[in-house]
C-alpha atoms as a PDB file:
ATOM      1  CA  MET A   1      14.790  38.969   2.375  1.00  0.00           C
ATOM      2  CA  GLN A   2      16.618  36.847  -0.091  1.00  0.00           C
ATOM      3  CA  TYR A   3      16.463  37.510  -3.823  1.00  0.00           C
ATOM      4  CA  ASN A   4      16.847  35.119  -6.714  1.00  0.00           C
ATOM      5  CA  VAL A   5      17.455  35.705 -10.442  1.00  0.00           C
ATOM      6  CA  PRO A   6      16.531  33.189 -13.091  1.00  0.00           C
ATOM      7  CA  MET A   7      18.378  32.498 -16.332  1.00  0.00           C
ATOM      8  CA  GLU A   8      15.614  32.994 -18.791  1.00  0.00           C
ATOM      9  CA  THR A   9      12.469  31.230 -17.480  1.00  0.00           C
ATOM     10  CA  ASP A  10      11.151  29.642 -14.336  1.00  0.00           C
ATOM     11  CA  ASP A  11       9.446  26.701 -15.990  1.00  0.00           C
ATOM     12  CA  GLU A  12      12.887  25.126 -16.722  1.00  0.00           C
ATOM     13  CA  SER A  13      14.105  25.003 -13.106  1.00  0.00           C
ATOM     14  CA  SER A  14      17.352  23.376 -13.920  1.00  0.00           C
ATOM     15  CA  LEU A  15      18.289  26.320 -16.289  1.00  0.00           C
ATOM     16  CA  ALA A  16      16.984  28.850 -13.750  1.00  0.00           C
ATOM     17  CA  GLY A  17      19.762  28.347 -11.186  1.00  0.00           C
ATOM     18  CA  GLY A  18      17.961  25.971  -8.855  1.00  0.00           C
ATOM     19  CA  GLN A  19      14.532  27.668  -8.623  1.00  0.00           C
ATOM     20  CA  LYS A  20      11.249  26.023  -8.169  1.00  0.00           C
ATOM     21  CA  GLU A  21       8.552  26.348 -10.729  1.00  0.00           C
ATOM     22  CA  ASN A  22       6.747  29.115  -8.880  1.00  0.00           C
ATOM     23  CA  GLY A  23       9.688  31.472  -9.394  1.00  0.00           C
ATOM     24  CA  LYS A  24      10.780  31.414  -5.847  1.00  0.00           C
ATOM     25  CA  SER A  25      14.211  30.066  -4.787  1.00  0.00           C
ATOM     26  CA  ALA A  26      14.449  26.879  -2.796  1.00  0.00           C
ATOM     27  CA  LYS A  27      15.191  29.092   0.320  1.00  0.00           C
ATOM     28  CA  GLY A  28      11.978  31.109  -0.190  1.00  0.00           C
ATOM     29  CA  GLY A  29      13.597  34.011  -1.824  1.00  0.00           C
ATOM     30  CA  LYS A  30      11.869  36.733  -3.861  1.00  0.00           C
ATOM     31  CA  ARG A  31      12.412  37.385  -7.624  1.00  0.00           C
ATOM     32  CA  ILE A  32      14.006  40.557  -8.803  1.00  0.00           C
ATOM     33  CA  GLU A  33      11.287  41.806 -11.096  1.00  0.00           C
ATOM     34  CA  ILE A  34      13.283  44.499 -12.843  1.00  0.00           C
ATOM     35  CA  ILE A  35      15.496  41.776 -14.286  1.00  0.00           C
ATOM     36  CA  ASP A  36      12.546  39.857 -15.526  1.00  0.00           C
ATOM     37  CA  ALA A  37      11.018  43.040 -16.933  1.00  0.00           C
ATOM     38  CA  LEU A  38      14.260  43.885 -18.846  1.00  0.00           C
ATOM     39  CA  ARG A  39      14.524  40.313 -20.181  1.00  0.00           C
ATOM     40  CA  GLY A  40      10.868  40.392 -21.233  1.00  0.00           C
ATOM     41  CA  LEU A  41      11.445  43.722 -23.050  1.00  0.00           C
ATOM     42  CA  ALA A  42      14.499  42.295 -24.876  1.00  0.00           C
ATOM     43  CA  VAL A  43      12.880  39.092 -25.952  1.00  0.00           C
ATOM     44  CA  SER A  44       9.717  41.120 -27.116  1.00  0.00           C
ATOM     45  CA  LEU A  45      11.985  43.302 -29.316  1.00  0.00           C
ATOM     46  CA  MET A  46      13.677  40.201 -30.689  1.00  0.00           C
ATOM     47  CA  VAL A  47      10.314  38.719 -31.695  1.00  0.00           C
ATOM     48  CA  VAL A  48       9.267  41.986 -33.438  1.00  0.00           C
ATOM     49  CA  HIS A  49      12.607  42.039 -35.238  1.00  0.00           C
ATOM     50  CA  HIS A  50      12.186  38.501 -36.436  1.00  0.00           C
ATOM     51  CA  PHE A  51       8.625  39.116 -37.528  1.00  0.00           C
ATOM     52  CA  LEU A  52       9.810  41.962 -39.684  1.00  0.00           C
ATOM     53  CA  TYR A  53      12.416  39.652 -41.193  1.00  0.00           C
ATOM     54  CA  ASN A  54       9.699  37.137 -42.014  1.00  0.00           C
ATOM     55  CA  LEU A  55       7.503  39.709 -43.602  1.00  0.00           C
ATOM     56  CA  ALA A  56      10.373  40.756 -45.911  1.00  0.00           C
ATOM     57  CA  ALA A  57      11.656  37.223 -46.608  1.00  0.00           C
ATOM     58  CA  PHE A  58       8.359  35.487 -47.200  1.00  0.00           C
ATOM     59  CA  LEU A  59       5.745  38.086 -48.005  1.00  0.00           C
ATOM     60  CA  GLY A  60       7.693  40.644 -50.024  1.00  0.00           C
ATOM     61  CA  ALA A  61       7.705  43.517 -47.619  1.00  0.00           C
ATOM     62  CA  PRO A  62      10.495  46.059 -48.148  1.00  0.00           C
ATOM     63  CA  TRP A  63      13.720  45.059 -46.470  1.00  0.00           C
ATOM     64  CA  TRP A  64      14.169  48.477 -44.837  1.00  0.00           C
ATOM     65  CA  LEU A  65      11.435  47.420 -42.367  1.00  0.00           C
ATOM     66  CA  TYR A  66      13.794  44.801 -40.990  1.00  0.00           C
ATOM     67  CA  SER A  67      17.194  46.423 -41.635  1.00  0.00           C
ATOM     68  CA  ASN A  68      17.328  50.155 -40.868  1.00  0.00           C
ATOM     69  CA  PRO A  69      19.416  52.323 -38.555  1.00  0.00           C
ATOM     70  CA  VAL A  70      16.791  52.257 -35.740  1.00  0.00           C
ATOM     71  CA  PHE A  71      16.470  48.498 -35.590  1.00  0.00           C
ATOM     72  CA  ASP A  72      20.169  47.949 -36.163  1.00  0.00           C
ATOM     73  CA  VAL A  73      20.776  49.897 -32.873  1.00  0.00           C
ATOM     74  CA  LEU A  74      17.915  48.286 -31.117  1.00  0.00           C
ATOM     75  CA  GLN A  75      19.196  44.790 -32.075  1.00  0.00           C
ATOM     76  CA  ALA A  76      22.533  45.370 -30.530  1.00  0.00           C
ATOM     77  CA  ILE A  77      20.832  46.723 -27.395  1.00  0.00           C
ATOM     78  CA  PHE A  78      18.448  43.910 -26.914  1.00  0.00           C
ATOM     79  CA  ILE A  79      21.123  41.254 -27.609  1.00  0.00           C
ATOM     80  CA  GLY A  80      23.380  43.032 -25.178  1.00  0.00           C
ATOM     81  CA  VAL A  81      20.677  43.118 -22.462  1.00  0.00           C
ATOM     82  CA  PHE A  82      19.915  39.434 -23.014  1.00  0.00           C
ATOM     83  CA  VAL A  83      23.670  38.460 -22.687  1.00  0.00           C
ATOM     84  CA  PHE A  84      24.399  40.910 -19.802  1.00  0.00           C
ATOM     85  CA  LEU A  85      21.365  39.542 -17.769  1.00  0.00           C
ATOM     86  CA  SER A  86      22.531  35.939 -18.369  1.00  0.00           C
ATOM     87  CA  GLY A  87      25.896  36.862 -16.916  1.00  0.00           C
ATOM     88  CA  VAL A  88      24.092  38.489 -13.919  1.00  0.00           C
ATOM     89  CA  SER A  89      22.011  35.261 -13.445  1.00  0.00           C
ATOM     90  CA  SER A  90      25.182  33.137 -13.477  1.00  0.00           C
ATOM     91  CA  ARG A  91      25.972  34.481  -9.930  1.00  0.00           C
ATOM     92  CA  PHE A  92      22.763  32.885  -8.694  1.00  0.00           C
ATOM     93  CA  SER A  93      23.359  29.463 -10.263  1.00  0.00           C
ATOM     94  CA  HIS A  94      24.489  26.298  -8.379  1.00  0.00           C
ATOM     95  CA  SER A  95      26.182  25.004 -11.723  1.00  0.00           C
ATOM     96  CA  ASN A  96      26.796  27.104 -14.711  1.00  0.00           C
ATOM     97  CA  VAL A  97      28.502  24.173 -16.443  1.00  0.00           C
ATOM     98  CA  ARG A  98      25.200  22.223 -16.051  1.00  0.00           C
ATOM     99  CA  ARG A  99      23.113  25.177 -17.179  1.00  0.00           C
ATOM    100  CA  GLY A 100      25.426  25.739 -20.139  1.00  0.00           C
ATOM    101  CA  ALA A 101      25.255  22.159 -21.225  1.00  0.00           C
ATOM    102  CA  MET A 102      21.504  22.055 -21.131  1.00  0.00           C
ATOM    103  CA  ALA A 103      21.327  25.378 -23.033  1.00  0.00           C
ATOM    104  CA  ILE A 104      23.594  23.948 -25.734  1.00  0.00           C
ATOM    105  CA  ALA A 105      21.524  20.788 -25.931  1.00  0.00           C
ATOM    106  CA  LEU A 106      18.414  22.963 -26.508  1.00  0.00           C
ATOM    107  CA  ALA A 107      20.392  24.969 -29.022  1.00  0.00           C
ATOM    108  CA  ALA A 108      21.265  21.776 -30.923  1.00  0.00           C
ATOM    109  CA  GLY A 109      17.597  20.971 -31.103  1.00  0.00           C
ATOM    110  CA  ILE A 110      16.931  24.436 -32.631  1.00  0.00           C
ATOM    111  CA  THR A 111      19.729  23.762 -35.180  1.00  0.00           C
ATOM    112  CA  ALA A 112      18.089  20.476 -36.154  1.00  0.00           C
ATOM    113  CA  VAL A 113      14.557  22.071 -36.583  1.00  0.00           C
ATOM    114  CA  THR A 114      15.851  25.160 -38.493  1.00  0.00           C
ATOM    115  CA  TYR A 115      17.989  22.905 -40.662  1.00  0.00           C
ATOM    116  CA  ALA A 116      14.753  21.075 -41.808  1.00  0.00           C
ATOM    117  CA  MET A 117      13.261  24.564 -42.421  1.00  0.00           C
ATOM    118  CA  GLU A 118      16.368  25.481 -44.506  1.00  0.00           C
ATOM    119  CA  MET A 119      16.857  28.398 -42.116  1.00  0.00           C
ATOM    120  CA  THR A 120      19.692  26.760 -40.243  1.00  0.00           C
ATOM    121  CA  ILE A 121      20.860  28.414 -36.948  1.00  0.00           C
ATOM    122  CA  TRP A 122      24.295  26.984 -36.411  1.00  0.00           C
ATOM    123  CA  PHE A 123      25.252  29.567 -33.754  1.00  0.00           C
ATOM    124  CA  GLY A 124      22.402  31.814 -32.556  1.00  0.00           C
ATOM    125  CA  ILE A 125      21.599  33.510 -29.259  1.00  0.00           C
ATOM    126  CA  LEU A 126      20.936  30.299 -27.355  1.00  0.00           C
ATOM    127  CA  HIS A 127      24.170  28.724 -28.626  1.00  0.00           C
ATOM    128  CA  LEU A 128      26.042  31.899 -27.518  1.00  0.00           C
ATOM    129  CA  LEU A 129      24.419  31.924 -24.094  1.00  0.00           C
ATOM    130  CA  GLY A 130      25.081  28.262 -23.554  1.00  0.00           C
ATOM    131  CA  SER A 131      28.665  28.628 -24.533  1.00  0.00           C
ATOM    132  CA  CYS A 132      29.164  31.660 -22.247  1.00  0.00           C
ATOM    133  CA  MET A 133      27.623  29.748 -19.298  1.00  0.00           C
ATOM    134  CA  LEU A 134      29.869  26.750 -19.874  1.00  0.00           C
ATOM    135  CA  PHE A 135      32.974  28.974 -20.363  1.00  0.00           C
ATOM    136  CA  PHE A 136      32.299  30.896 -17.163  1.00  0.00           C
ATOM    137  CA  GLY A 137      31.452  27.770 -15.260  1.00  0.00           C
ATOM    138  CA  LEU A 138      34.803  26.188 -16.244  1.00  0.00           C
ATOM    139  CA  THR A 139      36.827  29.357 -15.690  1.00  0.00           C
ATOM    140  CA  GLN A 140      34.967  31.091 -12.831  1.00  0.00           C
ATOM    141  CA  ARG A 141      37.902  30.619 -10.330  1.00  0.00           C
ATOM    142  CA  LEU A 142      40.146  32.551 -12.694  1.00  0.00           C
ATOM    143  CA  TRP A 143      37.755  35.529 -13.091  1.00  0.00           C
ATOM    144  CA  ASP A 144      37.068  35.623  -9.347  1.00  0.00           C
ATOM    145  CA  ARG A 145      40.757  36.314  -8.854  1.00  0.00           C
ATOM    146  CA  VAL A 146      40.323  39.574 -10.629  1.00  0.00           C
ATOM    147  CA  PRO A 147      39.629  42.437  -8.137  1.00  0.00           C
ATOM    148  CA  ARG A 148      35.994  43.486  -8.308  1.00  0.00           C
ATOM    149  CA  ALA A 149      36.942  47.172  -8.818  1.00  0.00           C
ATOM    150  CA  ALA A 150      39.183  46.244 -11.780  1.00  0.00           C
ATOM    151  CA  MET A 151      36.636  43.998 -13.624  1.00  0.00           C
ATOM    152  CA  PRO A 152      34.996  46.765 -15.654  1.00  0.00           C
ATOM    153  CA  ALA A 153      38.506  48.112 -16.545  1.00  0.00           C
ATOM    154  CA  VAL A 154      39.278  44.660 -17.904  1.00  0.00           C
ATOM    155  CA  PHE A 155      35.937  43.733 -19.626  1.00  0.00           C
ATOM    156  CA  VAL A 156      34.865  47.079 -21.255  1.00  0.00           C
ATOM    157  CA  PRO A 157      38.133  47.495 -23.239  1.00  0.00           C
ATOM    158  CA  LEU A 158      37.942  43.895 -24.238  1.00  0.00           C
ATOM    159  CA  ILE A 159      34.285  44.471 -25.554  1.00  0.00           C
ATOM    160  CA  ALA A 160      35.442  47.491 -27.494  1.00  0.00           C
ATOM    161  CA  ALA A 161      38.664  45.895 -28.851  1.00  0.00           C
ATOM    162  CA  SER A 162      36.968  42.638 -29.936  1.00  0.00           C
ATOM    163  CA  ALA A 163      34.093  44.477 -31.573  1.00  0.00           C
ATOM    164  CA  TYR A 164      36.632  46.643 -33.523  1.00  0.00           C
ATOM    165  CA  ALA A 165      38.728  43.678 -34.404  1.00  0.00           C
ATOM    166  CA  ARG A 166      35.739  41.762 -35.883  1.00  0.00           C
ATOM    167  CA  GLY A 167      34.870  44.745 -38.075  1.00  0.00           C
ATOM    168  CA  ASN A 168      38.313  45.893 -39.092  1.00  0.00           C
ATOM    169  CA  VAL A 169      40.832  42.946 -38.873  1.00  0.00           C
ATOM    170  CA  ALA A 170      40.511  40.411 -41.636  1.00  0.00           C
ATOM    171  CA  LEU A 171      41.038  36.792 -40.420  1.00  0.00           C
ATOM    172  CA  THR A 172      40.333  34.032 -42.986  1.00  0.00           C
ATOM    173  CA  SER A 173      41.427  30.434 -43.521  1.00  0.00           C
ATOM    174  CA  GLY A 174      41.239  27.783 -46.210  1.00  0.00           C
ATOM    175  CA  THR A 175      41.143  25.130 -43.578  1.00  0.00           C
ATOM    176  CA  LEU A 176      37.606  24.034 -42.751  1.00  0.00           C
ATOM    177  CA  TRP A 177      37.858  23.591 -39.042  1.00  0.00           C
ATOM    178  CA  VAL A 178      39.824  26.827 -38.633  1.00  0.00           C
ATOM    179  CA  ARG A 179      37.338  28.711 -40.794  1.00  0.00           C
ATOM    180  CA  ASN A 180      34.489  27.368 -38.668  1.00  0.00           C
ATOM    181  CA  VAL A 181      36.215  28.357 -35.430  1.00  0.00           C
ATOM    182  CA  LEU A 182      36.914  31.847 -36.723  1.00  0.00           C
ATOM    183  CA  SER A 183      33.270  32.136 -37.760  1.00  0.00           C
ATOM    184  CA  VAL A 184      32.062  31.117 -34.337  1.00  0.00           C
ATOM    185  CA  LEU A 185      34.338  33.755 -32.872  1.00  0.00           C
ATOM    186  CA  GLY A 186      32.993  36.422 -35.163  1.00  0.00           C
ATOM    187  CA  TRP A 187      34.973  36.566 -38.407  1.00  0.00           C
ATOM    188  CA  ARG A 188      32.781  35.818 -41.366  1.00  0.00           C
ATOM    189  CA  GLN A 189      34.614  33.663 -43.987  1.00  0.00           C
ATOM    190  CA  PRO A 190      34.504  34.247 -47.753  1.00  0.00           C
ATOM    191  CA  GLY A 191      32.179  32.073 -49.655  1.00  0.00           C
ATOM    192  CA  ARG A 192      28.410  31.459 -50.117  1.00  0.00           C
ATOM    193  CA  PHE A 193      26.551  29.951 -47.067  1.00  0.00           C
ATOM    194  CA  ASP A 194      24.351  27.084 -48.053  1.00  0.00           C
ATOM    195  CA  PRO A 195      21.937  26.185 -45.270  1.00  0.00           C
ATOM    196  CA  LYS A 196      21.383  22.720 -46.689  1.00  0.00           C
ATOM    197  CA  LEU A 197      25.080  21.654 -46.328  1.00  0.00           C
ATOM    198  CA  LEU A 198      26.453  20.092 -43.153  1.00  0.00           C
ATOM    199  CA  PRO A 199      29.793  21.163 -41.642  1.00  0.00           C
ATOM    200  CA  TRP A 200      31.647  18.157 -42.745  1.00  0.00           C
ATOM    201  CA  GLN A 201      30.447  18.204 -46.269  1.00  0.00           C
ATOM    202  CA  PRO A 202      32.654  19.494 -49.111  1.00  0.00           C
ATOM    203  CA  GLY A 203      31.990  23.146 -49.937  1.00  0.00           C
ATOM    204  CA  PHE A 204      30.484  23.965 -46.561  1.00  0.00           C
ATOM    205  CA  VAL A 205      30.991  27.706 -45.673  1.00  0.00           C
ATOM    206  CA  PHE A 206      29.943  28.577 -42.126  1.00  0.00           C
ATOM    207  CA  GLY A 207      26.933  30.877 -41.919  1.00  0.00           C
ATOM    208  CA  SER A 208      23.964  31.074 -39.641  1.00  0.00           C
ATOM    209  CA  PHE A 209      20.543  32.650 -39.287  1.00  0.00           C
ATOM    210  CA  ASP A 210      20.295  34.596 -36.060  1.00  0.00           C
ATOM    211  CA  TYR A 211      24.074  34.683 -36.049  1.00  0.00           C
ATOM    212  CA  GLN A 212      25.477  35.741 -32.649  1.00  0.00           C
ATOM    213  CA  PRO A 213      29.255  35.052 -32.432  1.00  0.00           C
ATOM    214  CA  LEU A 214      31.308  34.809 -29.216  1.00  0.00           C
ATOM    215  CA  LEU A 215      33.021  38.229 -29.747  1.00  0.00           C
ATOM    216  CA  PRO A 216      32.349  40.664 -28.232  1.00  0.00           C
ATOM    217  CA  TRP A 217      29.296  39.120 -26.404  1.00  0.00           C
ATOM    218  CA  VAL A 218      31.419  36.767 -24.099  1.00  0.00           C
ATOM    219  CA  PHE A 219      32.870  39.929 -22.513  1.00  0.00           C
ATOM    220  CA  VAL A 220      29.453  41.478 -22.124  1.00  0.00           C
ATOM    221  CA  PHE A 221      28.439  38.194 -20.364  1.00  0.00           C
ATOM    222  CA  LEU A 222      31.485  38.490 -18.095  1.00  0.00           C
ATOM    223  CA  LEU A 223      30.652  42.101 -17.312  1.00  0.00           C
ATOM    224  CA  GLY A 224      27.209  40.788 -16.220  1.00  0.00           C
ATOM    225  CA  THR A 225      28.818  38.364 -13.885  1.00  0.00           C
ATOM    226  CA  TRP A 226      30.577  41.423 -12.189  1.00  0.00           C
ATOM    227  CA  ALA A 227      27.233  43.190 -11.818  1.00  0.00           C
ATOM    228  CA  GLY A 228      25.682  39.982 -10.555  1.00  0.00           C
ATOM    229  CA  LEU A 229      28.032  40.070  -7.521  1.00  0.00           C
ATOM    230  CA  TYR A 230      26.589  43.287  -6.381  1.00  0.00           C
ATOM    231  CA  ILE A 231      23.009  42.411  -7.114  1.00  0.00           C
ATOM    232  CA  ARG A 232      23.244  39.254  -5.249  1.00  0.00           C
ATOM    233  CA  GLU A 233      24.691  40.971  -2.233  1.00  0.00           C
ATOM    234  CA  ARG A 234      21.928  43.622  -2.240  1.00  0.00           C
ATOM    235  CA  LYS A 235      24.269  46.432  -2.794  1.00  0.00           C
ATOM    236  CA  LEU A 236      22.076  48.354  -5.255  1.00  0.00           C
ATOM    237  CA  PRO A 237      19.378  50.877  -4.147  1.00  0.00           C
ATOM    238  CA  GLY A 238      16.221  49.513  -2.700  1.00  0.00           C
ATOM    239  CA  TRP A 239      14.069  50.515  -5.659  1.00  0.00           C
ATOM    240  CA  PHE A 240      15.996  48.007  -7.727  1.00  0.00           C
ATOM    241  CA  TYR A 241      14.747  45.129  -5.750  1.00  0.00           C
ATOM    242  CA  ASP A 242      11.256  46.475  -5.201  1.00  0.00           C
ATOM    243  CA  PHE A 243      10.576  47.619  -8.778  1.00  0.00           C
ATOM    244  CA  LYS A 244       7.260  46.416 -10.267  1.00  0.00           C
ATOM    245  CA  ALA A 245       6.117  46.562 -13.996  1.00  0.00           C
ATOM    246  CA  PRO A 246       3.141  45.212 -15.970  1.00  0.00           C
ATOM    247  CA  VAL A 247       3.418  42.483 -18.642  1.00  0.00           C
ATOM    248  CA  PHE A 248       7.171  42.332 -19.327  1.00  0.00           C
ATOM    249  CA  PRO A 249       8.226  40.447 -16.130  1.00  0.00           C
ATOM    250  CA  LYS A 250       5.747  37.659 -17.166  1.00  0.00           C
ATOM    251  CA  ILE A 251       7.266  37.545 -20.611  1.00  0.00           C
ATOM    252  CA  GLY A 252      10.729  37.584 -19.121  1.00  0.00           C
ATOM    253  CA  ARG A 253       9.957  34.634 -16.911  1.00  0.00           C
ATOM    254  CA  LYS A 254       9.033  32.591 -20.109  1.00  0.00           C
ATOM    255  CA  ALA A 255      11.745  34.057 -22.288  1.00  0.00           C
ATOM    256  CA  LEU A 256      13.369  30.698 -23.066  1.00  0.00           C
ATOM    257  CA  LEU A 257      10.084  29.222 -24.196  1.00  0.00           C
ATOM    258  CA  VAL A 258       9.335  32.398 -26.273  1.00  0.00           C
ATOM    259  CA  TYR A 259      12.676  32.061 -27.984  1.00  0.00           C
ATOM    260  CA  ILE A 260      12.289  28.389 -28.786  1.00  0.00           C
ATOM    261  CA  LEU A 261       8.736  28.661 -30.094  1.00  0.00           C
ATOM    262  CA  HIS A 262       8.375  32.070 -31.733  1.00  0.00           C
ATOM    263  CA  GLN A 263      10.188  31.469 -35.024  1.00  0.00           C
ATOM    264  CA  PRO A 264       8.517  28.110 -35.830  1.00  0.00           C
ATOM    265  CA  VAL A 265       5.112  29.596 -34.925  1.00  0.00           C
ATOM    266  CA  MET A 266       5.731  32.636 -37.127  1.00  0.00           C
ATOM    267  CA  TYR A 267       7.138  30.457 -39.925  1.00  0.00           C
ATOM    268  CA  GLY A 268       3.924  28.446 -39.841  1.00  0.00           C
ATOM    269  CA  ILE A 269       1.829  31.634 -39.970  1.00  0.00           C
ATOM    270  CA  MET A 270       3.839  32.908 -42.967  1.00  0.00           C
ATOM    271  CA  MET A 271       3.353  29.573 -44.864  1.00  0.00           C
ATOM    272  CA  GLY A 272      -0.360  29.639 -44.083  1.00  0.00           C
ATOM    273  CA  VAL A 273      -0.630  33.320 -45.471  1.00  0.00           C
ATOM    274  CA  LEU A 274       1.305  32.239 -48.589  1.00  0.00           C
ATOM    275  CA  ALA A 275      -1.038  29.249 -49.123  1.00  0.00           C
ATOM    276  CA  LEU A 276      -4.103  31.477 -48.772  1.00  0.00           C
ATOM    277  CA  MET A 277      -2.629  33.994 -51.264  1.00  0.00           C
ATOM    278  CA  GLY A 278      -1.996  31.110 -53.616  1.00  0.00           C
ATOM    279  CA  ALA A 279       1.721  31.705 -53.803  1.00  0.00           C
END
């Protein structure tokens, strides 16, 4: 039996590594449901997190609902799961460069929509995933030269070191393009972010709603590519491939669609509630 893993959804077959719309591979393979379930759980937690943000930002709910020790930890977990599984899926893709380019194109559309909403996402989770896919697609031969047994010993320290460096090593620049590159990597720059300014306009300081920088997540993605080798070759226990779960696998198969639509839908709901309240 052959198994196939999608990127985020099966209704965008070109982003799903060559799958048909019914979720089966072109060779008649079977989906690995535990991966869909984990992705569905991660995107569900993300939607809840953003819903709590909207309650605080628009309806005056206390901010501790959104930012608290429990959700701060959960946020790192569900982002890590999302990125790791995307790395796993890259081992089932015919062209990660193509997938990455399509994801970045979708991300650019999200940037345009959120700019109009004055909640600009310059570099969010989809920008991150698209960049990781493109990076891995262009450098895969280099990473494949690393012995499999050594990959965790390479990627795990890089995850820890880059996370530490982001939080403890100050890197700033007065030059606009350098400042923007450093921000995409993970070093926030001094100044006030104005969501109405464009990157080439005077006074622009990089910032982003749903900000997910390349570091340390690109190394989490690469660690997922290592795990994907073993999953693709069916070297994990049988229960991993036969796992069944309710609800979450279906959400996981539509995770890309959920991500694209959830915030505009919730924003519309919040504006409707504010209108009813006469605010």
